[in-house]
Amino acid sequence: MTIDVRPASVFEDVRAVLGPRTPGANVCWCLSHRIPSRLNQELRGPARGEYVAGLCRAGTPIGVLAHDGDEPVGWAAVAPRADTSFARNRRIPHVDELPVWSLWCIRVRPGHRKQGISHALIAGAVDFARAHGAPAIEAYPLDNGGARVDLTMAYAGIRENFERVGFTHAADTTSVLAGHPRVLMRLDLR
């Protein structure tokens, strides 16, 4: 298996990883931190996928996808923090005024887990942010201390996986997800 991480600009590939099994289902589509809260609540069912399709058509990749050959097998959401809800989040502090990028969601498709894809996605998101001029990249993973994490809530990532790619602990947060504290991890790209 050779994993190739590419910008997420082809909607069909994004849909393969983030879309629902049932077309009318109301799933996240990784929009909850990308768009204003009011819009996030208004978009229901197929409208969420249509919104993501519009973002893909706009020409700016909305994250990165891991591919095994031509098959999309994983996703990482990455964007300038200023373009996300993390710019205003009171539970996750700003370490400084640097215009950092945020990496807030990692998803690996069932049947492809436990193969190092999340590590490739983190590294690919770092490369993507660097290529777009980011001075640093932040993530807000769970500090689970080795405890088991429910897969539904593991989208934020695990601290250990970010440390393996070179991120360091930059701050504690008051955010808790799935019973585990989240920490702010950062990697300087300058």
Protein backbone atom coordinates (compact mmCIF):
# COMPACT_ATOMS: atom_id res chain seq x y z
CA MET A 1 0.00 0.00 0.00
CA THR A 2 1.35 3.40 -1.02
CA ILE A 3 -0.42 6.38 0.53
CA ASP A 4 -0.43 9.62 -1.41
CA VAL A 5 -1.78 12.76 0.28
CA ARG A 6 -3.22 15.39 -2.08
CA PRO A 7 -5.21 18.61 -1.78
CA ALA A 8 -8.94 17.90 -1.41
CA SER A 9 -10.36 19.61 -4.45
CA VAL A 10 -12.34 16.81 -6.18
CA PHE A 11 -15.80 16.62 -4.62
CA GLU A 12 -16.35 12.95 -5.48
CA ASP A 13 -13.22 12.06 -3.49
CA VAL A 14 -14.28 14.24 -0.55
CA ARG A 15 -17.74 12.65 -0.63
CA ALA A 16 -16.20 9.15 -0.56
CA VAL A 17 -14.61 9.92 2.81
CA LEU A 18 -17.00 12.43 4.42
CA GLY A 19 -20.36 11.79 2.78
CA PRO A 20 -23.17 9.76 4.29
CA ARG A 21 -24.10 6.23 3.26
CA THR A 22 -27.66 7.43 2.77
CA PRO A 23 -27.85 10.53 0.54
CA GLY A 24 -30.40 12.38 2.72
CA ALA A 25 -28.59 11.79 6.02
CA ASN A 26 -27.51 14.77 8.07
CA VAL A 27 -23.76 14.34 8.62
CA CYS A 28 -21.05 16.84 9.52
CA TRP A 29 -19.18 17.01 6.17
CA CYS A 30 -16.49 18.68 8.33
CA LEU A 31 -18.33 22.00 8.17
CA SER A 32 -18.95 22.68 11.86
CA HIS A 33 -15.66 24.51 12.41
CA ARG A 34 -15.39 25.89 8.86
CA ILE A 35 -18.61 27.92 8.58
CA PRO A 36 -20.51 30.26 10.91
CA SER A 37 -22.58 28.46 13.54
CA ARG A 38 -25.89 29.78 12.24
CA LEU A 39 -25.21 28.51 8.72
CA ASN A 40 -23.98 25.21 10.12
CA GLN A 41 -27.32 24.76 11.91
CA GLU A 42 -29.35 25.80 8.86
CA LEU A 43 -27.70 23.39 6.42
CA ARG A 44 -29.46 20.05 6.69
CA GLY A 45 -29.14 16.75 4.84
CA PRO A 46 -28.13 17.04 1.17
CA ALA A 47 -27.62 20.81 1.49
CA ARG A 48 -24.45 20.13 3.50
CA GLY A 49 -22.92 18.07 0.69
CA GLU A 50 -24.01 20.67 -1.87
CA TYR A 51 -22.22 23.34 0.17
CA VAL A 52 -19.02 21.27 0.19
CA ALA A 53 -19.37 20.67 -3.56
CA GLY A 54 -19.52 24.45 -4.00
CA LEU A 55 -16.35 24.88 -1.95
CA CYS A 56 -14.59 22.31 -4.15
CA ARG A 57 -15.81 24.06 -7.33
CA ALA A 58 -14.49 27.38 -5.97
CA GLY A 59 -10.99 26.03 -6.57
CA THR A 60 -9.46 26.35 -3.12
CA PRO A 61 -8.77 22.92 -1.62
CA ILE A 62 -10.65 22.50 1.66
CA GLY A 63 -8.17 20.09 3.24
CA VAL A 64 -6.19 17.07 2.19
CA LEU A 65 -7.15 13.52 1.22
CA ALA A 66 -5.09 10.37 1.55
CA HIS A 67 -5.33 8.04 -1.44
CA ASP A 68 -4.37 4.40 -1.76
CA GLY A 69 -3.89 4.36 -5.53
CA ASP A 70 -7.00 6.08 -6.85
CA GLU A 71 -9.13 5.28 -3.80
CA PRO A 72 -9.64 8.09 -1.24
CA VAL A 73 -9.10 6.55 2.21
CA GLY A 74 -8.66 9.47 4.60
CA TRP A 75 -9.30 13.16 5.20
CA ALA A 76 -7.74 16.01 7.18
CA ALA A 77 -9.36 19.44 7.53
CA VAL A 78 -6.80 22.23 7.43
CA ALA A 79 -7.26 25.96 6.86
CA PRO A 80 -6.11 29.32 8.21
CA ARG A 81 -7.36 29.58 11.81
CA ALA A 82 -8.82 33.00 10.95
CA ASP A 83 -11.21 31.20 8.56
CA THR A 84 -12.48 28.80 11.23
CA SER A 85 -14.44 28.94 14.47
CA PHE A 86 -11.15 28.44 16.31
CA ALA A 87 -10.48 32.13 15.69
CA ARG A 88 -13.26 32.86 18.21
CA ASN A 89 -13.25 29.75 20.40
CA ARG A 90 -13.04 30.67 24.09
CA ARG A 91 -11.98 27.19 25.20
CA ILE A 92 -8.93 26.96 22.94
CA PRO A 93 -6.49 29.81 23.57
CA HIS A 94 -4.42 31.78 21.11
CA VAL A 95 -0.76 31.39 22.00
CA ASP A 96 0.21 34.54 20.12
CA GLU A 97 -0.91 36.69 17.20
CA LEU A 98 0.82 34.60 14.53
CA PRO A 99 -1.58 33.86 11.61
CA VAL A 100 -1.46 30.10 12.19
CA TRP A 101 -3.38 27.41 10.36
CA SER A 102 -5.63 24.91 12.15
CA LEU A 103 -5.79 21.16 11.63
CA TRP A 104 -8.97 20.05 13.36
CA CYS A 105 -10.29 16.85 11.85
CA ILE A 106 -8.76 13.56 10.77
CA ARG A 107 -10.88 10.76 9.39
CA VAL A 108 -9.80 7.39 8.04
CA ARG A 109 -12.37 5.24 6.28
CA PRO A 110 -13.37 1.94 7.86
CA GLY A 111 -11.32 -0.90 6.46
CA HIS A 112 -8.24 1.34 6.20
CA ARG A 113 -7.55 2.09 9.85
CA LYS A 114 -4.45 0.99 11.77
CA GLN A 115 -2.28 1.36 8.65
CA GLY A 116 -0.55 4.69 9.36
CA ILE A 117 -2.95 6.77 7.29
CA SER A 118 -3.63 9.28 10.06
CA HIS A 119 0.12 9.92 10.34
CA ALA A 120 0.32 10.47 6.58
CA LEU A 121 -2.66 12.84 6.76
CA ILE A 122 -1.08 14.93 9.51
CA ALA A 123 2.19 15.16 7.57
CA GLY A 124 0.26 15.98 4.37
CA ALA A 125 -1.71 18.73 6.13
CA VAL A 126 1.56 20.21 7.40
CA ASP A 127 2.99 20.18 3.87
CA PHE A 128 -0.21 21.75 2.51
CA ALA A 129 -0.16 24.56 5.09
CA ARG A 130 3.55 25.18 4.49
CA ALA A 131 3.01 25.34 0.71
CA HIS A 132 0.33 27.99 1.29
CA GLY A 133 2.63 30.17 3.40
CA ALA A 134 1.49 29.21 6.90
CA PRO A 135 4.06 30.29 9.51
CA ALA A 136 2.82 27.60 11.91
CA ILE A 137 0.12 24.98 12.20
CA GLU A 138 -1.93 24.09 15.26
CA ALA A 139 -4.05 21.10 16.20
CA TYR A 140 -6.35 20.49 19.16
CA PRO A 141 -6.13 16.73 19.77
CA LEU A 142 -7.27 14.64 22.69
CA ASP A 143 -4.75 14.01 25.45
CA ASN A 144 -6.07 10.53 26.15
CA GLY A 145 -3.03 9.22 28.03
CA GLY A 146 -3.27 5.94 26.14
CA ALA A 147 -6.92 5.35 27.09
CA ARG A 148 -9.32 4.09 24.45
CA VAL A 149 -11.18 6.78 22.51
CA ASP A 150 -14.56 6.33 20.84
CA LEU A 151 -13.91 6.46 17.08
CA THR A 152 -16.78 8.90 16.52
CA MET A 153 -15.09 11.43 18.78
CA ALA A 154 -11.51 10.69 17.74
CA TYR A 155 -11.80 13.11 14.79
CA ALA A 156 -9.70 15.68 16.68
CA GLY A 157 -6.77 13.28 16.68
CA ILE A 158 -4.63 11.96 19.50
CA ARG A 159 -1.78 13.96 21.02
CA GLU A 160 0.73 11.15 20.48
CA ASN A 161 0.11 11.12 16.71
CA PHE A 162 0.89 14.82 16.45
CA GLU A 163 4.05 14.45 18.55
CA ARG A 164 5.29 11.81 16.10
CA VAL A 165 5.18 14.40 13.30
CA GLY A 166 7.00 17.04 15.35
CA PHE A 167 4.18 19.04 16.98
CA THR A 168 4.84 20.17 20.53
CA HIS A 169 2.49 21.06 23.37
CA ALA A 170 1.86 24.80 23.20
CA ALA A 171 -0.97 25.24 25.72
CA ASP A 172 -3.64 23.51 27.70
CA THR A 173 -7.26 24.19 26.81
CA THR A 174 -10.54 24.08 28.70
CA SER A 175 -12.07 21.98 25.91
CA VAL A 176 -13.01 18.38 26.64
CA LEU A 177 -14.07 15.85 24.02
CA ALA A 178 -15.29 12.32 24.75
CA GLY A 179 -14.20 12.75 28.38
CA HIS A 180 -10.61 13.62 27.44
CA PRO A 181 -8.97 17.04 27.67
CA ARG A 182 -7.85 18.64 24.43
CA VAL A 183 -4.43 20.26 24.19
CA LEU A 184 -3.12 22.84 21.76
CA MET A 185 -0.25 21.36 19.77
CA ARG A 186 1.82 23.48 17.41
CA LEU A 187 4.46 23.06 14.74
CA ASP A 188 6.48 26.07 13.59
CA LEU A 189 6.87 26.11 9.82
CA ARG A 190 9.23 29.07 9.48
